[in-house]
Amino acid sequence: MELNPLLRRAVELGASDIHLKVGLPPILRRDGALTASPNAGRTMAAMAGALGLTLGKRGAYRLGEGRPPAAGDVARAVRVFAWAAGLTLGALLLLDSLALFLRGGRGALGII
């Protein structure tokens, strides 16, 4: 991987970060801090990227690089959210079971 083209692309896109990890393609972070909300910007930008959409508030921010959302994208967004929630719950159940096992079956730690 050539670093200079990656840096140029990051500047073109207005990326704030470049994440590099051996064996994975580089990830450019952008748009997350562009909303007025300190809490929702990164999650909105992540969902826009996951769905390949552009989310925006006229005159305030523009997140993602894709087509504008349509009514059918709501169902897609709900599926993405449901998968993320299910994976999170599964991970918590696994950790709770591991905690129970490590304590010799004497009560779980109550993670969930």
PDB file of N, CA and C in Angstrom:
ATOM      1  N   MET A   1       0.843  -1.172   0.000  1.00  0.00           N
ATOM      2  CA  MET A   1       0.000   0.000   0.000  1.00  0.00           C
ATOM      3  C   MET A   1       0.890   1.238   0.000  1.00  0.00           C
ATOM      4  N   GLU A   2       0.584   2.154  -0.879  1.00  0.00           N
ATOM      5  CA  GLU A   2       1.316   3.416  -0.949  1.00  0.00           C
ATOM      6  C   GLU A   2       0.641   4.419  -0.014  1.00  0.00           C
ATOM      7  N   LEU A   3       1.402   5.046   0.836  1.00  0.00           N
ATOM      8  CA  LEU A   3       0.852   5.965   1.826  1.00  0.00           C
ATOM      9  C   LEU A   3       0.428   7.307   1.220  1.00  0.00           C
ATOM     10  N   ASN A   4       1.208   7.839   0.266  1.00  0.00           N
ATOM     11  CA  ASN A   4       0.882   9.155  -0.291  1.00  0.00           C
ATOM     12  C   ASN A   4      -0.483   9.203  -0.985  1.00  0.00           C
ATOM     13  N   PRO A   5      -0.838   8.212  -1.827  1.00  0.00           N
ATOM     14  CA  PRO A   5      -2.185   8.246  -2.413  1.00  0.00           C
ATOM     15  C   PRO A   5      -3.292   8.151  -1.357  1.00  0.00           C
ATOM     16  N   LEU A   6      -3.047   7.364  -0.304  1.00  0.00           N
ATOM     17  CA  LEU A   6      -4.017   7.241   0.771  1.00  0.00           C
ATOM     18  C   LEU A   6      -4.195   8.578   1.488  1.00  0.00           C
ATOM     19  N   LEU A   7      -3.091   9.265   1.760  1.00  0.00           N
ATOM     20  CA  LEU A   7      -3.168  10.572   2.406  1.00  0.00           C
ATOM     21  C   LEU A   7      -3.881  11.589   1.518  1.00  0.00           C
ATOM     22  N   ARG A   8      -3.585  11.552   0.221  1.00  0.00           N
ATOM     23  CA  ARG A   8      -4.266  12.467  -0.704  1.00  0.00           C
ATOM     24  C   ARG A   8      -5.779  12.217  -0.696  1.00  0.00           C
ATOM     25  N   ARG A   9      -6.176  10.946  -0.729  1.00  0.00           N
ATOM     26  CA  ARG A   9      -7.600  10.598  -0.716  1.00  0.00           C
ATOM     27  C   ARG A   9      -8.256  11.064   0.583  1.00  0.00           C
ATOM     28  N   ALA A  10      -7.540  10.912   1.702  1.00  0.00           N
ATOM     29  CA  ALA A  10      -8.078  11.362   2.988  1.00  0.00           C
ATOM     30  C   ALA A  10      -8.315  12.870   2.973  1.00  0.00           C
ATOM     31  N   VAL A  11      -7.388  13.619   2.402  1.00  0.00           N
ATOM     32  CA  VAL A  11      -7.548  15.070   2.310  1.00  0.00           C
ATOM     33  C   VAL A  11      -8.711  15.420   1.395  1.00  0.00           C
ATOM     34  N   GLU A  12      -8.831  14.719   0.250  1.00  0.00           N
ATOM     35  CA  GLU A  12      -9.934  14.965  -0.689  1.00  0.00           C
ATOM     36  C   GLU A  12     -11.289  14.762  -0.018  1.00  0.00           C
ATOM     37  N   LEU A  13     -11.395  13.726   0.807  1.00  0.00           N
ATOM     38  CA  LEU A  13     -12.666  13.398   1.456  1.00  0.00           C
ATOM     39  C   LEU A  13     -12.895  14.177   2.743  1.00  0.00           C
ATOM     40  N   GLY A  14     -11.877  14.877   3.216  1.00  0.00           N
ATOM     41  CA  GLY A  14     -12.010  15.599   4.475  1.00  0.00           C
ATOM     42  C   GLY A  14     -12.007  14.673   5.675  1.00  0.00           C
ATOM     43  N   ALA A  15     -11.269  13.570   5.572  1.00  0.00           N
ATOM     44  CA  ALA A  15     -11.217  12.587   6.660  1.00  0.00           C
ATOM     45  C   ALA A  15     -10.495  13.152   7.871  1.00  0.00           C
ATOM     46  N   SER A  16     -10.964  12.769   9.050  1.00  0.00           N
ATOM     47  CA  SER A  16     -10.299  13.203  10.276  1.00  0.00           C
ATOM     48  C   SER A  16      -9.267  12.181  10.736  1.00  0.00           C
ATOM     49  N   ASP A  17      -9.455  10.915  10.382  1.00  0.00           N
ATOM     50  CA  ASP A  17      -8.558   9.850  10.828  1.00  0.00           C
ATOM     51  C   ASP A  17      -8.332   8.855   9.694  1.00  0.00           C
ATOM     52  N   ILE A  18      -7.193   8.162   9.775  1.00  0.00           N
ATOM     53  CA  ILE A  18      -6.925   7.007   8.920  1.00  0.00           C
ATOM     54  C   ILE A  18      -6.588   5.859   9.859  1.00  0.00           C
ATOM     55  N   HIS A  19      -7.330   4.773   9.752  1.00  0.00           N
ATOM     56  CA  HIS A  19      -7.096   3.607  10.603  1.00  0.00           C
ATOM     57  C   HIS A  19      -6.416   2.524   9.761  1.00  0.00           C
ATOM     58  N   LEU A  20      -5.253   2.091  10.209  1.00  0.00           N
ATOM     59  CA  LEU A  20      -4.492   1.067   9.496  1.00  0.00           C
ATOM     60  C   LEU A  20      -4.327  -0.150  10.394  1.00  0.00           C
ATOM     61  N   LYS A  21      -4.566  -1.323   9.825  1.00  0.00           N
ATOM     62  CA  LYS A  21      -4.380  -2.571  10.554  1.00  0.00           C
ATOM     63  C   LYS A  21      -3.887  -3.615   9.564  1.00  0.00           C
ATOM     64  N   VAL A  22      -2.881  -4.374   9.964  1.00  0.00           N
ATOM     65  CA  VAL A  22      -2.294  -5.382   9.092  1.00  0.00           C
ATOM     66  C   VAL A  22      -3.371  -6.359   8.625  1.00  0.00           C
ATOM     67  N   GLY A  23      -3.401  -6.610   7.325  1.00  0.00           N
ATOM     68  CA  GLY A  23      -4.330  -7.573   6.744  1.00  0.00           C
ATOM     69  C   GLY A  23      -5.703  -7.017   6.408  1.00  0.00           C
ATOM     70  N   LEU A  24      -5.970  -5.761   6.754  1.00  0.00           N
ATOM     71  CA  LEU A  24      -7.264  -5.152   6.463  1.00  0.00           C
ATOM     72  C   LEU A  24      -7.067  -3.906   5.612  1.00  0.00           C
ATOM     73  N   PRO A  25      -8.074  -3.552   4.814  1.00  0.00           N
ATOM     74  CA  PRO A  25      -7.943  -2.322   4.031  1.00  0.00           C
ATOM     75  C   PRO A  25      -7.983  -1.110   4.951  1.00  0.00           C
ATOM     76  N   PRO A  26      -7.384  -0.002   4.540  1.00  0.00           N
ATOM     77  CA  PRO A  26      -7.426   1.200   5.378  1.00  0.00           C
ATOM     78  C   PRO A  26      -8.856   1.724   5.508  1.00  0.00           C
ATOM     79  N   ILE A  27      -9.131   2.330   6.643  1.00  0.00           N
ATOM     80  CA  ILE A  27     -10.438   2.914   6.906  1.00  0.00           C
ATOM     81  C   ILE A  27     -10.252   4.400   7.147  1.00  0.00           C
ATOM     82  N   LEU A  28     -11.014   5.209   6.419  1.00  0.00           N
ATOM     83  CA  LEU A  28     -10.981   6.645   6.601  1.00  0.00           C
ATOM     84  C   LEU A  28     -12.212   7.051   7.393  1.00  0.00           C
ATOM     85  N   ARG A  29     -12.015   7.819   8.457  1.00  0.00           N
ATOM     86  CA  ARG A  29     -13.158   8.313   9.227  1.00  0.00           C
ATOM     87  C   ARG A  29     -13.408   9.755   8.825  1.00  0.00           C
ATOM     88  N   ARG A  30     -14.665  10.034   8.520  1.00  0.00           N
ATOM     89  CA  ARG A  30     -15.036  11.399   8.187  1.00  0.00           C
ATOM     90  C   ARG A  30     -16.489  11.620   8.566  1.00  0.00           C
ATOM     91  N   ASP A  31     -16.909  12.842   8.613  1.00  0.00           N
ATOM     92  CA  ASP A  31     -18.296  13.250   8.814  1.00  0.00           C
ATOM     93  C   ASP A  31     -18.816  13.084  10.234  1.00  0.00           C
ATOM     94  N   GLY A  32     -18.192  12.322  11.085  1.00  0.00           N
ATOM     95  CA  GLY A  32     -18.750  12.049  12.409  1.00  0.00           C
ATOM     96  C   GLY A  32     -18.910  13.261  13.290  1.00  0.00           C
ATOM     97  N   ALA A  33     -18.051  14.248  13.148  1.00  0.00           N
ATOM     98  CA  ALA A  33     -18.127  15.425  14.011  1.00  0.00           C
ATOM     99  C   ALA A  33     -18.841  16.589  13.331  1.00  0.00           C
ATOM    100  N   LEU A  34     -19.535  16.348  12.230  1.00  0.00           N
ATOM    101  CA  LEU A  34     -20.134  17.434  11.466  1.00  0.00           C
ATOM    102  C   LEU A  34     -21.535  17.824  11.913  1.00  0.00           C
ATOM    103  N   THR A  35     -22.136  17.087  12.810  1.00  0.00           N
ATOM    104  CA  THR A  35     -23.497  17.422  13.218  1.00  0.00           C
ATOM    105  C   THR A  35     -23.471  18.289  14.470  1.00  0.00           C
ATOM    106  N   ALA A  36     -24.581  18.939  14.710  1.00  0.00           N
ATOM    107  CA  ALA A  36     -24.684  19.770  15.906  1.00  0.00           C
ATOM    108  C   ALA A  36     -24.757  18.910  17.165  1.00  0.00           C
ATOM    109  N   SER A  37     -25.165  17.664  17.037  1.00  0.00           N
ATOM    110  CA  SER A  37     -25.305  16.773  18.182  1.00  0.00           C
ATOM    111  C   SER A  37     -23.964  16.138  18.532  1.00  0.00           C
ATOM    112  N   PRO A  38     -23.500  16.315  19.770  1.00  0.00           N
ATOM    113  CA  PRO A  38     -22.236  15.682  20.149  1.00  0.00           C
ATOM    114  C   PRO A  38     -22.367  14.166  20.303  1.00  0.00           C
ATOM    115  N   ASN A  39     -23.585  13.659  20.388  1.00  0.00           N
ATOM    116  CA  ASN A  39     -23.787  12.236  20.626  1.00  0.00           C
ATOM    117  C   ASN A  39     -24.099  11.442  19.369  1.00  0.00           C
ATOM    118  N   ALA A  40     -24.820  12.018  18.427  1.00  0.00           N
ATOM    119  CA  ALA A  40     -25.339  11.241  17.309  1.00  0.00           C
ATOM    120  C   ALA A  40     -24.490  11.303  16.050  1.00  0.00           C
ATOM    121  N   GLY A  41     -23.563  12.224  15.938  1.00  0.00           N
ATOM    122  CA  GLY A  41     -22.826  12.414  14.699  1.00  0.00           C
ATOM    123  C   GLY A  41     -22.134  11.171  14.199  1.00  0.00           C
ATOM    124  N   ARG A  42     -21.402  10.511  15.055  1.00  0.00           N
ATOM    125  CA  ARG A  42     -20.656   9.326  14.626  1.00  0.00           C
ATOM    126  C   ARG A  42     -21.592   8.170  14.282  1.00  0.00           C
ATOM    127  N   THR A  43     -22.646   7.984  15.056  1.00  0.00           N
ATOM    128  CA  THR A  43     -23.568   6.883  14.754  1.00  0.00           C
ATOM    129  C   THR A  43     -24.354   7.160  13.478  1.00  0.00           C
ATOM    130  N   MET A  44     -24.742   8.413  13.266  1.00  0.00           N
ATOM    131  CA  MET A  44     -25.442   8.760  12.019  1.00  0.00           C
ATOM    132  C   MET A  44     -24.525   8.570  10.820  1.00  0.00           C
ATOM    133  N   ALA A  45     -23.269   8.991  10.950  1.00  0.00           N
ATOM    134  CA  ALA A  45     -22.314   8.839   9.843  1.00  0.00           C
ATOM    135  C   ALA A  45     -22.046   7.364   9.571  1.00  0.00           C
ATOM    136  N   ALA A  46     -21.958   6.559  10.634  1.00  0.00           N
ATOM    137  CA  ALA A  46     -21.724   5.122  10.458  1.00  0.00           C
ATOM    138  C   ALA A  46     -22.900   4.462   9.740  1.00  0.00           C
ATOM    139  N   MET A  47     -24.120   4.829  10.114  1.00  0.00           N
ATOM    140  CA  MET A  47     -25.295   4.243   9.466  1.00  0.00           C
ATOM    141  C   MET A  47     -25.377   4.700   8.014  1.00  0.00           C
ATOM    142  N   ALA A  48     -25.082   5.979   7.763  1.00  0.00           N
ATOM    143  CA  ALA A  48     -25.084   6.463   6.379  1.00  0.00           C
ATOM    144  C   ALA A  48     -24.093   5.665   5.544  1.00  0.00           C
ATOM    145  N   GLY A  49     -22.898   5.421   6.090  1.00  0.00           N
ATOM    146  CA  GLY A  49     -21.895   4.638   5.381  1.00  0.00           C
ATOM    147  C   GLY A  49     -22.326   3.199   5.177  1.00  0.00           C
ATOM    148  N   ALA A  50     -22.920   2.593   6.209  1.00  0.00           N
ATOM    149  CA  ALA A  50     -23.355   1.195   6.111  1.00  0.00           C
ATOM    150  C   ALA A  50     -24.439   1.023   5.048  1.00  0.00           C
ATOM    151  N   LEU A  51     -25.289   2.023   4.906  1.00  0.00           N
ATOM    152  CA  LEU A  51     -26.391   1.937   3.942  1.00  0.00           C
ATOM    153  C   LEU A  51     -26.041   2.535   2.587  1.00  0.00           C
ATOM    154  N   GLY A  52     -24.862   3.157   2.484  1.00  0.00           N
ATOM    155  CA  GLY A  52     -24.461   3.780   1.224  1.00  0.00           C
ATOM    156  C   GLY A  52     -25.297   5.003   0.876  1.00  0.00           C
ATOM    157  N   LEU A  53     -25.675   5.766   1.901  1.00  0.00           N
ATOM    158  CA  LEU A  53     -26.551   6.916   1.722  1.00  0.00           C
ATOM    159  C   LEU A  53     -25.863   8.210   2.119  1.00  0.00           C
ATOM    160  N   THR A  54     -26.479   9.304   1.779  1.00  0.00           N
ATOM    161  CA  THR A  54     -26.090  10.619   2.281  1.00  0.00           C
ATOM    162  C   THR A  54     -27.217  11.111   3.173  1.00  0.00           C
ATOM    163  N   LEU A  55     -26.888  11.397   4.417  1.00  0.00           N
ATOM    164  CA  LEU A  55     -27.853  11.984   5.342  1.00  0.00           C
ATOM    165  C   LEU A  55     -27.455  13.432   5.548  1.00  0.00           C
ATOM    166  N   GLY A  56     -28.413  14.321   5.583  1.00  0.00           N
ATOM    167  CA  GLY A  56     -28.044  15.710   5.749  1.00  0.00           C
ATOM    168  C   GLY A  56     -29.155  16.564   6.286  1.00  0.00           C
ATOM    169  N   LYS A  57     -28.735  17.709   6.801  1.00  0.00           N
ATOM    170  CA  LYS A  57     -29.648  18.750   7.244  1.00  0.00           C
ATOM    171  C   LYS A  57     -29.225  19.992   6.489  1.00  0.00           C
ATOM    172  N   ARG A  58     -30.085  20.466   5.621  1.00  0.00           N
ATOM    173  CA  ARG A  58     -29.744  21.578   4.738  1.00  0.00           C
ATOM    174  C   ARG A  58     -29.131  22.733   5.525  1.00  0.00           C
ATOM    175  N   GLY A  59     -27.951  23.128   5.102  1.00  0.00           N
ATOM    176  CA  GLY A  59     -27.263  24.252   5.725  1.00  0.00           C
ATOM    177  C   GLY A  59     -26.520  23.913   7.006  1.00  0.00           C
ATOM    178  N   ALA A  60     -26.606  22.657   7.448  1.00  0.00           N
ATOM    179  CA  ALA A  60     -25.957  22.297   8.716  1.00  0.00           C
ATOM    180  C   ALA A  60     -24.878  21.229   8.540  1.00  0.00           C
ATOM    181  N   TYR A  61     -25.216  20.106   7.926  1.00  0.00           N
ATOM    182  CA  TYR A  61     -24.241  19.030   7.761  1.00  0.00           C
ATOM    183  C   TYR A  61     -24.653  18.120   6.622  1.00  0.00           C
ATOM    184  N   ARG A  62     -23.696  17.324   6.183  1.00  0.00           N
ATOM    185  CA  ARG A  62     -23.914  16.300   5.153  1.00  0.00           C
ATOM    186  C   ARG A  62     -23.051  15.111   5.551  1.00  0.00           C
ATOM    187  N   LEU A  63     -23.671  13.967   5.783  1.00  0.00           N
ATOM    188  CA  LEU A  63     -22.966  12.769   6.240  1.00  0.00           C
ATOM    189  C   LEU A  63     -23.053  11.686   5.180  1.00  0.00           C
ATOM    190  N   GLY A  64     -21.948  11.052   4.881  1.00  0.00           N
ATOM    191  CA  GLY A  64     -21.928   9.953   3.933  1.00  0.00           C
ATOM    192  C   GLY A  64     -21.749  10.442   2.513  1.00  0.00           C
ATOM    193  N   GLU A  65     -21.608   9.463   1.649  1.00  0.00           N
ATOM    194  CA  GLU A  65     -21.408   9.753   0.233  1.00  0.00           C
ATOM    195  C   GLU A  65     -22.192   8.721  -0.559  1.00  0.00           C
ATOM    196  N   GLY A  66     -23.387   9.063  -0.915  1.00  0.00           N
ATOM    197  CA  GLY A  66     -24.239   8.140  -1.647  1.00  0.00           C
ATOM    198  C   GLY A  66     -25.514   8.848  -2.050  1.00  0.00           C
ATOM    199  N   ARG A  67     -26.506   8.063  -2.361  1.00  0.00           N
ATOM    200  CA  ARG A  67     -27.769   8.641  -2.780  1.00  0.00           C
ATOM    201  C   ARG A  67     -28.556   9.108  -1.554  1.00  0.00           C
ATOM    202  N   PRO A  68     -29.529   9.980  -1.758  1.00  0.00           N
ATOM    203  CA  PRO A  68     -30.390  10.383  -0.635  1.00  0.00           C
ATOM    204  C   PRO A  68     -31.236   9.197  -0.174  1.00  0.00           C
ATOM    205  N   PRO A  69     -31.656   9.186   1.070  1.00  0.00           N
ATOM    206  CA  PRO A  69     -32.473   8.072   1.563  1.00  0.00           C
ATOM    207  C   PRO A  69     -33.865   8.068   0.942  1.00  0.00           C
ATOM    208  N   ALA A  70     -34.436   6.877   0.858  1.00  0.00           N
ATOM    209  CA  ALA A  70     -35.809   6.684   0.375  1.00  0.00           C
ATOM    210  C   ALA A  70     -36.581   5.917   1.445  1.00  0.00           C
ATOM    211  N   ALA A  71     -37.866   5.821   1.296  1.00  0.00           N
ATOM    212  CA  ALA A  71     -38.712   5.159   2.295  1.00  0.00           C
ATOM    213  C   ALA A  71     -38.259   3.728   2.575  1.00  0.00           C
ATOM    214  N   GLY A  72     -37.835   3.007   1.544  1.00  0.00           N
ATOM    215  CA  GLY A  72     -37.402   1.623   1.727  1.00  0.00           C
ATOM    216  C   GLY A  72     -36.139   1.478   2.558  1.00  0.00           C
ATOM    217  N   ASP A  73     -35.387   2.555   2.717  1.00  0.00           N
ATOM    218  CA  ASP A  73     -34.151   2.495   3.496  1.00  0.00           C
ATOM    219  C   ASP A  73     -34.417   2.394   4.989  1.00  0.00           C
ATOM    220  N   VAL A  74     -35.618   2.770   5.416  1.00  0.00           N
ATOM    221  CA  VAL A  74     -35.952   2.647   6.838  1.00  0.00           C
ATOM    222  C   VAL A  74     -35.893   1.181   7.259  1.00  0.00           C
ATOM    223  N   ALA A  75     -36.463   0.306   6.454  1.00  0.00           N
ATOM    224  CA  ALA A  75     -36.438  -1.129   6.769  1.00  0.00           C
ATOM    225  C   ALA A  75     -35.011  -1.653   6.765  1.00  0.00           C
ATOM    226  N   ARG A  76     -34.183  -1.191   5.831  1.00  0.00           N
ATOM    227  CA  ARG A  76     -32.776  -1.598   5.801  1.00  0.00           C
ATOM    228  C   ARG A  76     -32.061  -1.141   7.067  1.00  0.00           C
ATOM    229  N   ALA A  77     -32.330   0.087   7.497  1.00  0.00           N
ATOM    230  CA  ALA A  77     -31.699   0.621   8.705  1.00  0.00           C
ATOM    231  C   ALA A  77     -32.124  -0.173   9.934  1.00  0.00           C
ATOM    232  N   VAL A  78     -33.390  -0.540   9.990  1.00  0.00           N
ATOM    233  CA  VAL A  78     -33.888  -1.335  11.123  1.00  0.00           C
ATOM    234  C   VAL A  78     -33.195  -2.699  11.146  1.00  0.00           C
ATOM    235  N   ARG A  79     -32.993  -3.305   9.971  1.00  0.00           N
ATOM    236  CA  ARG A  79     -32.295  -4.603   9.927  1.00  0.00           C
ATOM    237  C   ARG A  79     -30.854  -4.463  10.407  1.00  0.00           C
ATOM    238  N   VAL A  80     -30.159  -3.415   9.969  1.00  0.00           N
ATOM    239  CA  VAL A  80     -28.777  -3.193  10.425  1.00  0.00           C
ATOM    240  C   VAL A  80     -28.762  -3.033  11.943  1.00  0.00           C
ATOM    241  N   PHE A  81     -29.688  -2.221  12.465  1.00  0.00           N
ATOM    242  CA  PHE A  81     -29.760  -2.012  13.909  1.00  0.00           C
ATOM    243  C   PHE A  81     -30.070  -3.321  14.638  1.00  0.00           C
ATOM    244  N   ALA A  82     -31.013  -4.092  14.115  1.00  0.00           N
ATOM    245  CA  ALA A  82     -31.388  -5.354  14.765  1.00  0.00           C
ATOM    246  C   ALA A  82     -30.209  -6.323  14.808  1.00  0.00           C
ATOM    247  N   TRP A  83     -29.464  -6.402  13.712  1.00  0.00           N
ATOM    248  CA  TRP A  83     -28.272  -7.265  13.704  1.00  0.00           C
ATOM    249  C   TRP A  83     -27.256  -6.791  14.736  1.00  0.00           C
ATOM    250  N   ALA A  84     -27.019  -5.483  14.786  1.00  0.00           N
ATOM    251  CA  ALA A  84     -26.050  -4.946  15.750  1.00  0.00           C
ATOM    252  C   ALA A  84     -26.504  -5.214  17.182  1.00  0.00           C
ATOM    253  N   ALA A  85     -27.789  -5.015  17.448  1.00  0.00           N
ATOM    254  CA  ALA A  85     -28.323  -5.265  18.788  1.00  0.00           C
ATOM    255  C   ALA A  85     -28.230  -6.750  19.137  1.00  0.00           C
ATOM    256  N   GLY A  86     -28.560  -7.614  18.186  1.00  0.00           N
ATOM    257  CA  GLY A  86     -28.477  -9.061  18.421  1.00  0.00           C
ATOM    258  C   GLY A  86     -27.054  -9.520  18.686  1.00  0.00           C
ATOM    259  N   LEU A  87     -26.112  -9.005  17.925  1.00  0.00           N
ATOM    260  CA  LEU A  87     -24.707  -9.365  18.149  1.00  0.00           C
ATOM    261  C   LEU A  87     -24.222  -8.862  19.503  1.00  0.00           C
ATOM    262  N   THR A  88     -24.656  -7.677  19.897  1.00  0.00           N
ATOM    263  CA  THR A  88     -24.274  -7.143  21.205  1.00  0.00           C
ATOM    264  C   THR A  88     -24.853  -8.003  22.323  1.00  0.00           C
ATOM    265  N   LEU A  89     -26.117  -8.357  22.212  1.00  0.00           N
ATOM    266  CA  LEU A  89     -26.745  -9.206  23.224  1.00  0.00           C
ATOM    267  C   LEU A  89     -26.055 -10.568  23.286  1.00  0.00           C
ATOM    268  N   GLY A  90     -25.748 -11.141  22.119  1.00  0.00           N
ATOM    269  CA  GLY A  90     -25.039 -12.420  22.097  1.00  0.00           C
ATOM    270  C   GLY A  90     -23.685 -12.338  22.771  1.00  0.00           C
ATOM    271  N   ALA A  91     -22.957 -11.251  22.530  1.00  0.00           N
ATOM    272  CA  ALA A  91     -21.651 -11.075  23.165  1.00  0.00           C
ATOM    273  C   ALA A  91     -21.801 -10.951  24.679  1.00  0.00           C
ATOM    274  N   LEU A  92     -22.821 -10.221  25.127  1.00  0.00           N
ATOM    275  CA  LEU A  92     -23.041 -10.084  26.572  1.00  0.00           C
ATOM    276  C   LEU A  92     -23.416 -11.416  27.211  1.00  0.00           C
ATOM    277  N   LEU A  93     -24.258 -12.191  26.545  1.00  0.00           N
ATOM    278  CA  LEU A  93     -24.615 -13.515  27.069  1.00  0.00           C
ATOM    279  C   LEU A  93     -23.396 -14.426  27.136  1.00  0.00           C
ATOM    280  N   LEU A  94     -22.556 -14.359  26.136  1.00  0.00           N
ATOM    281  CA  LEU A  94     -21.334 -15.155  26.130  1.00  0.00           C
ATOM    282  C   LEU A  94     -20.422 -14.749  27.280  1.00  0.00           C
ATOM    283  N   LEU A  95     -20.251 -13.452  27.479  1.00  0.00           N
ATOM    284  CA  LEU A  95     -19.410 -12.976  28.588  1.00  0.00           C
ATOM    285  C   LEU A  95     -19.992 -13.370  29.943  1.00  0.00           C
ATOM    286  N   ASP A  96     -21.314 -13.297  30.075  1.00  0.00           N
ATOM    287  CA  ASP A  96     -21.959 -13.692  31.317  1.00  0.00           C
ATOM    288  C   ASP A  96     -21.749 -15.179  31.582  1.00  0.00           C
ATOM    289  N   SER A  97     -21.881 -15.992  30.529  1.00  0.00           N
ATOM    290  CA  SER A  97     -21.662 -17.439  30.674  1.00  0.00           C
ATOM    291  C   SER A  97     -20.209 -17.735  31.022  1.00  0.00           C
ATOM    292  N   LEU A  98     -19.293 -17.013  30.402  1.00  0.00           N
ATOM    293  CA  LEU A  98     -17.872 -17.190  30.713  1.00  0.00           C
ATOM    294  C   LEU A  98     -17.588 -16.819  32.159  1.00  0.00           C
ATOM    295  N   ALA A  99     -18.199 -15.743  32.628  1.00  0.00           N
ATOM    296  CA  ALA A  99     -18.014 -15.333  34.023  1.00  0.00           C
ATOM    297  C   ALA A  99     -18.541 -16.409  34.965  1.00  0.00           C
ATOM    298  N   LEU A 100     -19.687 -16.981  34.634  1.00  0.00           N
ATOM    299  CA  LEU A 100     -20.254 -18.062  35.450  1.00  0.00           C
ATOM    300  C   LEU A 100     -19.311 -19.260  35.474  1.00  0.00           C
ATOM    301  N   PHE A 101     -18.785 -19.618  34.322  1.00  0.00           N
ATOM    302  CA  PHE A 101     -17.857 -20.747  34.224  1.00  0.00           C
ATOM    303  C   PHE A 101     -16.603 -20.488  35.044  1.00  0.00           C
ATOM    304  N   LEU A 102     -16.037 -19.294  34.918  1.00  0.00           N
ATOM    305  CA  LEU A 102     -14.792 -18.974  35.628  1.00  0.00           C
ATOM    306  C   LEU A 102     -14.983 -18.909  37.144  1.00  0.00           C
ATOM    307  N   ARG A 103     -16.193 -18.634  37.570  1.00  0.00           N
ATOM    308  CA  ARG A 103     -16.478 -18.609  39.020  1.00  0.00           C
ATOM    309  C   ARG A 103     -16.884 -19.998  39.527  1.00  0.00           C
ATOM    310  N   GLY A 104     -16.724 -21.000  38.692  1.00  0.00           N
ATOM    311  CA  GLY A 104     -17.039 -22.369  39.109  1.00  0.00           C
ATOM    312  C   GLY A 104     -18.529 -22.627  39.239  1.00  0.00           C
ATOM    313  N   GLY A 105     -19.333 -21.891  38.491  1.00  0.00           N
ATOM    314  CA  GLY A 105     -20.777 -22.121  38.520  1.00  0.00           C
ATOM    315  C   GLY A 105     -21.460 -21.555  39.751  1.00  0.00           C
ATOM    316  N   ARG A 106     -20.788 -20.633  40.441  1.00  0.00           N
ATOM    317  CA  ARG A 106     -21.363 -20.083  41.676  1.00  0.00           C
ATOM    318  C   ARG A 106     -22.035 -18.734  41.442  1.00  0.00           C
ATOM    319  N   GLY A 107     -22.851 -18.653  40.448  1.00  0.00           N
ATOM    320  CA  GLY A 107     -23.588 -17.408  40.174  1.00  0.00           C
ATOM    321  C   GLY A 107     -22.850 -16.515  39.197  1.00  0.00           C
ATOM    322  N   ALA A 108     -23.589 -16.053  38.262  1.00  0.00           N
ATOM    323  CA  ALA A 108     -22.989 -15.173  37.260  1.00  0.00           C
ATOM    324  C   ALA A 108     -22.720 -13.800  37.853  1.00  0.00           C
ATOM    325  N   LEU A 109     -21.911 -13.047  37.177  1.00  0.00           N
ATOM    326  CA  LEU A 109     -21.570 -11.696  37.629  1.00  0.00           C
ATOM    327  C   LEU A 109     -22.687 -10.706  37.355  1.00  0.00           C
ATOM    328  N   GLY A 110     -23.688 -11.119  36.613  1.00  0.00           N
ATOM    329  CA  GLY A 110     -24.820 -10.238  36.349  1.00  0.00           C
ATOM    330  C   GLY A 110     -24.505  -9.134  35.364  1.00  0.00           C
ATOM    331  N   ILE A 111     -23.774  -9.469  34.300  1.00  0.00           N
ATOM    332  CA  ILE A 111     -23.468  -8.466  33.288  1.00  0.00           C
ATOM    333  C   ILE A 111     -24.759  -7.973  32.651  1.00  0.00           C
ATOM    334  N   ILE A 112     -25.679  -8.910  32.430  1.00  0.00           N
ATOM    335  CA  ILE A 112     -26.971  -8.489  31.851  1.00  0.00           C
ATOM    336  C   ILE A 112     -28.083  -8.888  32.782  1.00  0.00           C
TER     337      ILE A 112
END
